[in-house]
Amino acid sequence: MEKDNMTQRPLIMITNDDGIQARGIRFLAELVKPLGDVVVVAPDAPRSGGSAAITCAEVLRVKRWPDLDGVQMWAVNGTPVDCVKLGAAHVVPRKPDLLLSGINHGANTGNSVVYSGTMGATLEGCMQKINSIGFSLLSHKPEESDFEACAESMLTIVKAVLEKGLPKGVCLNVNMPAGQEVKGIRQARSCKGLWTEEYVRYTDPFGGTFYMLSGDYLNEEPEAEDTDLYWLSKGYVSVVPTVPNRDYDQELGLF
């Protein structure tokens, strides 16, 4: 694949799980454009909830889209992780200095990281030894999402990572409050909790049965003052250092 010539400014690759047409990814690309050469490699359609899935049994195609005010735009008929892998290997001219995933429409707090395509891509970038950040806004209404209130905080985080880098094997899960003034940025840990998932049953016009996922997140430690949910509830951006290695390093005493 032909690769356009670029400068030696920081190379920033951006992806998401809401698709290349999502407002969040376009806002993010415009926001960080002054900081480096930006290339968007994103799914050609929404892939939310895809976690770290990769495409194994289908062919993948990369299609060039019209540039976004000077930002290269590439669409992939695969998952967010496919976009990171293909983007790094076949689209960008060199290893990215930074991978950004988002801005996701909806929270990725607590154990939502397990399901999140946004964070699946972020963790993949981390495994490829690229400084990686996932951004999510606590709003599930894409057309009404106001990213401007969080712009300064996002720039602060991106600039800090470009300047200082991240520890080996660590990426960032950044969640941002919606509909209010941002008071600041706080490092936090993921809240312990679980989804009270329910599959709601419906009947279609032909009498057939189908199900739709529903449910709420149950915070198991509402009094804790060091979690992502706590700081978000206070109007702060939460930054959770996250690692791909999920091994449990304590002796179980079972064997």
Protein backbone atom coordinates (compact mmCIF):
# COMPACT_ATOMS: atom_id res chain seq x y z
CA MET A 1 0.00 0.00 0.00
CA GLU A 2 1.33 3.40 -0.95
CA LYS A 3 2.17 5.56 2.04
CA ASP A 4 2.13 9.34 1.83
CA ASN A 5 5.26 11.19 2.85
CA MET A 6 5.08 12.67 6.32
CA THR A 7 7.15 14.92 8.51
CA GLN A 8 9.23 13.84 11.47
CA ARG A 9 6.74 15.28 13.93
CA PRO A 10 5.19 12.75 16.35
CA LEU A 11 3.09 10.22 14.45
CA ILE A 12 -0.32 9.77 16.05
CA MET A 13 -2.58 6.91 14.93
CA ILE A 14 -6.25 7.10 15.96
CA THR A 15 -8.90 4.40 16.00
CA ASN A 16 -12.21 3.70 17.77
CA ASP A 17 -15.07 1.21 18.04
CA ASP A 18 -17.89 3.55 16.99
CA GLY A 19 -16.80 3.67 13.35
CA ILE A 20 -14.96 6.10 11.13
CA GLN A 21 -18.00 8.37 10.77
CA ALA A 22 -18.46 8.86 14.53
CA ARG A 23 -18.30 12.42 15.84
CA GLY A 24 -15.94 11.40 18.62
CA ILE A 25 -13.10 10.19 16.42
CA ARG A 26 -13.35 13.22 14.16
CA PHE A 27 -13.27 15.60 17.11
CA LEU A 28 -10.23 13.80 18.52
CA ALA A 29 -8.38 13.94 15.20
CA GLU A 30 -8.98 17.67 14.87
CA LEU A 31 -8.00 18.23 18.50
CA VAL A 32 -4.56 16.59 18.33
CA LYS A 33 -3.70 17.63 14.78
CA PRO A 34 -1.46 20.50 15.96
CA LEU A 35 0.63 18.01 17.98
CA GLY A 36 1.83 15.78 15.16
CA ASP A 37 1.05 13.91 11.94
CA VAL A 38 -2.32 12.23 12.45
CA VAL A 39 -3.63 9.13 10.68
CA VAL A 40 -7.07 7.66 11.39
CA VAL A 41 -7.51 3.91 10.87
CA ALA A 42 -10.97 2.96 12.10
CA PRO A 43 -13.74 0.40 11.52
CA ASP A 44 -16.01 1.10 8.58
CA ALA A 45 -19.04 0.60 10.87
CA PRO A 46 -19.73 0.52 14.62
CA ARG A 47 -18.01 -2.34 16.47
CA SER A 48 -18.89 -1.54 20.08
CA GLY A 49 -18.55 -4.35 22.62
CA GLY A 50 -15.99 -6.15 20.49
CA SER A 51 -13.35 -6.25 23.22
CA ALA A 52 -10.00 -7.46 21.81
CA ALA A 53 -11.51 -9.54 19.01
CA ILE A 54 -9.61 -10.06 15.77
CA THR A 55 -10.92 -11.19 12.39
CA CYS A 56 -9.75 -14.72 11.54
CA ALA A 57 -12.02 -16.21 8.87
CA GLU A 58 -12.78 -13.23 6.62
CA VAL A 59 -10.66 -11.11 4.31
CA LEU A 60 -9.87 -7.60 5.51
CA ARG A 61 -9.82 -4.58 3.24
CA VAL A 62 -8.42 -1.13 3.91
CA LYS A 63 -10.09 1.74 2.06
CA ARG A 64 -8.84 5.32 1.82
CA TRP A 65 -11.47 7.90 2.70
CA PRO A 66 -11.34 11.61 1.91
CA ASP A 67 -8.93 13.43 4.19
CA LEU A 68 -10.36 15.28 7.18
CA ASP A 69 -8.81 18.74 6.90
CA GLY A 70 -5.38 17.26 6.21
CA VAL A 71 -5.78 14.13 8.36
CA GLN A 72 -5.52 10.81 6.52
CA MET A 73 -8.65 8.68 6.95
CA TRP A 74 -8.62 4.89 6.41
CA ALA A 75 -11.55 2.51 6.97
CA VAL A 76 -11.21 -1.21 7.73
CA ASN A 77 -13.98 -3.81 7.52
CA GLY A 78 -12.85 -5.32 10.82
CA THR A 79 -12.55 -4.81 14.54
CA PRO A 80 -10.74 -2.02 16.41
CA VAL A 81 -7.84 -4.40 17.09
CA ASP A 82 -7.70 -5.25 13.36
CA CYS A 83 -7.38 -1.52 12.73
CA VAL A 84 -4.43 -1.21 15.10
CA LYS A 85 -2.65 -4.24 13.66
CA LEU A 86 -3.25 -3.36 10.01
CA GLY A 87 -2.68 0.32 10.57
CA ALA A 88 0.69 -0.16 12.23
CA ALA A 89 1.81 -2.79 9.71
CA HIS A 90 0.49 -1.50 6.39
CA VAL A 91 -0.88 2.06 6.59
CA VAL A 92 1.39 4.35 8.58
CA PRO A 93 4.96 4.94 7.35
CA ARG A 94 6.64 4.08 10.64
CA LYS A 95 5.81 2.92 14.14
CA PRO A 96 3.41 5.42 15.73
CA ASP A 97 4.64 7.48 18.63
CA LEU A 98 1.15 7.44 20.08
CA LEU A 99 -2.08 5.49 19.64
CA LEU A 100 -5.37 7.13 20.61
CA SER A 101 -8.66 5.22 20.76
CA GLY A 102 -12.00 7.06 20.93
CA ILE A 103 -13.62 9.29 21.77
CA ASN A 104 -16.02 6.54 22.80
CA HIS A 105 -19.69 7.38 23.16
CA GLY A 106 -20.31 5.90 26.61
CA ALA A 107 -18.34 5.04 29.73
CA ASN A 108 -15.56 2.46 30.02
CA THR A 109 -15.34 2.48 33.79
CA GLY A 110 -14.96 -0.45 36.18
CA ASN A 111 -14.84 -3.82 34.47
CA SER A 112 -16.30 -2.45 31.23
CA VAL A 113 -12.72 -2.65 29.97
CA VAL A 114 -13.31 -6.40 29.53
CA TYR A 115 -15.98 -5.74 26.89
CA SER A 116 -14.79 -2.49 25.38
CA GLY A 117 -13.64 -2.29 21.78
CA THR A 118 -12.19 1.12 22.59
CA MET A 119 -9.94 -0.37 25.24
CA GLY A 120 -9.33 -3.52 23.22
CA ALA A 121 -7.60 -1.31 20.66
CA THR A 122 -5.75 0.58 23.39
CA LEU A 123 -4.45 -2.63 24.95
CA GLU A 124 -3.36 -3.88 21.52
CA GLY A 125 -1.35 -0.71 21.00
CA CYS A 126 0.21 -1.23 24.42
CA MET A 127 1.21 -4.79 23.50
CA GLN A 128 2.84 -3.41 20.36
CA LYS A 129 4.90 -1.12 22.61
CA ILE A 130 3.13 2.02 21.48
CA ASN A 131 2.16 4.64 24.05
CA SER A 132 -1.63 4.20 24.03
CA ILE A 133 -4.62 6.07 25.48
CA GLY A 134 -8.33 5.24 25.33
CA PHE A 135 -10.79 8.14 25.70
CA SER A 136 -14.46 7.72 26.65
CA LEU A 137 -17.20 10.26 27.36
CA LEU A 138 -20.02 9.44 29.77
CA SER A 139 -22.73 10.05 27.21
CA HIS A 140 -24.63 7.46 25.18
CA LYS A 141 -26.18 10.09 22.91
CA PRO A 142 -23.65 10.55 20.08
CA GLU A 143 -25.43 13.42 18.39
CA GLU A 144 -25.75 15.35 21.66
CA SER A 145 -22.29 14.64 23.07
CA ASP A 146 -20.37 17.79 24.00
CA PHE A 147 -16.65 17.11 23.71
CA GLU A 148 -15.54 20.71 24.07
CA ALA A 149 -15.71 20.72 27.87
CA CYS A 150 -13.12 17.91 27.97
CA ALA A 151 -10.84 19.20 25.20
CA GLU A 152 -8.34 20.90 27.50
CA SER A 153 -8.06 17.82 29.72
CA MET A 154 -7.52 15.54 26.72
CA LEU A 155 -4.79 17.80 25.38
CA THR A 156 -3.09 17.89 28.79
CA ILE A 157 -3.01 14.08 28.91
CA VAL A 158 -1.85 13.65 25.31
CA LYS A 159 0.91 16.24 25.67
CA ALA A 160 2.13 14.64 28.89
CA VAL A 161 2.34 11.18 27.29
CA LEU A 162 4.07 12.52 24.18
CA GLU A 163 6.62 14.29 26.36
CA LYS A 164 7.20 11.71 29.09
CA GLY A 165 5.93 8.41 27.69
CA LEU A 166 4.30 5.66 29.74
CA PRO A 167 5.82 2.83 31.78
CA LYS A 168 6.49 -0.35 29.83
CA GLY A 169 3.36 -2.45 29.47
CA VAL A 170 0.99 0.27 30.72
CA CYS A 171 -1.71 2.18 28.82
CA LEU A 172 -4.32 4.67 29.98
CA ASN A 173 -8.08 4.31 30.29
CA VAL A 174 -9.45 7.86 30.39
CA ASN A 175 -13.10 8.55 31.18
CA MET A 176 -14.62 12.01 31.03
CA PRO A 177 -17.78 13.43 32.62
CA ALA A 178 -20.51 14.77 30.36
CA GLY A 179 -22.82 17.73 30.68
CA GLN A 180 -20.83 19.61 33.29
CA GLU A 181 -17.72 21.68 33.86
CA VAL A 182 -14.56 19.57 34.19
CA LYS A 183 -12.86 20.31 37.51
CA GLY A 184 -9.56 18.60 36.78
CA ILE A 185 -7.79 15.29 36.19
CA ARG A 186 -7.30 12.51 38.74
CA GLN A 187 -5.46 9.20 38.55
CA ALA A 188 -7.76 6.46 39.84
CA ARG A 189 -8.31 2.73 39.92
CA SER A 190 -11.14 0.82 38.29
CA CYS A 191 -14.22 0.57 40.46
CA LYS A 192 -15.12 -2.94 41.58
CA GLY A 193 -18.54 -3.91 40.37
CA LEU A 194 -20.52 -5.87 37.83
CA TRP A 195 -23.15 -5.47 35.18
CA THR A 196 -26.65 -6.59 36.14
CA GLU A 197 -27.17 -7.74 32.59
CA GLU A 198 -30.61 -8.58 31.41
CA TYR A 199 -31.69 -9.82 28.01
CA VAL A 200 -35.08 -8.24 27.44
CA ARG A 201 -37.45 -10.40 25.44
CA TYR A 202 -39.44 -8.94 22.54
CA THR A 203 -41.78 -10.23 19.85
CA ASP A 204 -41.35 -9.15 16.24
CA PRO A 205 -44.29 -8.41 13.87
CA PHE A 206 -44.23 -12.02 12.63
CA GLY A 207 -44.54 -13.52 16.10
CA GLY A 208 -40.89 -14.44 16.46
CA THR A 209 -38.95 -13.90 19.66
CA PHE A 210 -35.77 -11.86 19.92
CA TYR A 211 -33.67 -10.44 22.75
CA MET A 212 -31.83 -7.16 23.39
CA LEU A 213 -29.12 -6.61 25.97
CA SER A 214 -29.97 -4.27 28.82
CA GLY A 215 -28.82 -3.78 32.40
CA ASP A 216 -27.07 -1.41 34.82
CA TYR A 217 -23.66 -1.22 36.43
CA LEU A 218 -23.61 -2.14 40.14
CA ASN A 219 -20.94 -0.29 42.09
CA GLU A 220 -19.78 -2.65 44.85
CA GLU A 221 -17.77 0.02 46.68
CA PRO A 222 -19.79 3.26 46.52
CA GLU A 223 -17.95 4.72 49.53
CA ALA A 224 -14.46 4.33 48.02
CA GLU A 225 -12.84 7.66 47.19
CA ASP A 226 -10.08 6.49 44.84
CA THR A 227 -12.06 4.93 41.97
CA ASP A 228 -12.90 6.13 38.49
CA LEU A 229 -16.61 6.30 39.31
CA TYR A 230 -15.95 8.39 42.43
CA TRP A 231 -13.90 11.04 40.63
CA LEU A 232 -16.25 11.12 37.65
CA SER A 233 -19.17 11.73 40.00
CA LYS A 234 -17.26 14.75 41.35
CA GLY A 235 -16.78 16.23 37.88
CA TYR A 236 -13.18 15.10 37.28
CA VAL A 237 -11.60 13.23 34.38
CA SER A 238 -10.44 9.83 35.63
CA VAL A 239 -7.20 8.27 34.38
CA VAL A 240 -6.74 4.56 35.14
CA PRO A 241 -3.37 2.95 34.32
CA THR A 242 -4.28 -0.35 32.63
CA VAL A 243 -2.20 -3.39 31.65
CA PRO A 244 -2.81 -6.17 29.08
CA ASN A 245 -1.30 -8.81 31.41
CA ARG A 246 -4.17 -10.01 33.58
CA ASP A 247 -2.33 -12.81 35.40
CA TYR A 248 -3.03 -13.22 39.09
CA ASP A 249 0.35 -13.15 40.82
CA GLN A 250 -0.62 -14.51 44.25
CA GLU A 251 -0.21 -18.13 45.37
CA LEU A 252 -3.57 -19.90 45.26
CA GLY A 253 -2.64 -22.85 47.45
CA LEU A 254 -4.69 -25.24 45.32
CA PHE A 255 -1.97 -27.57 44.05
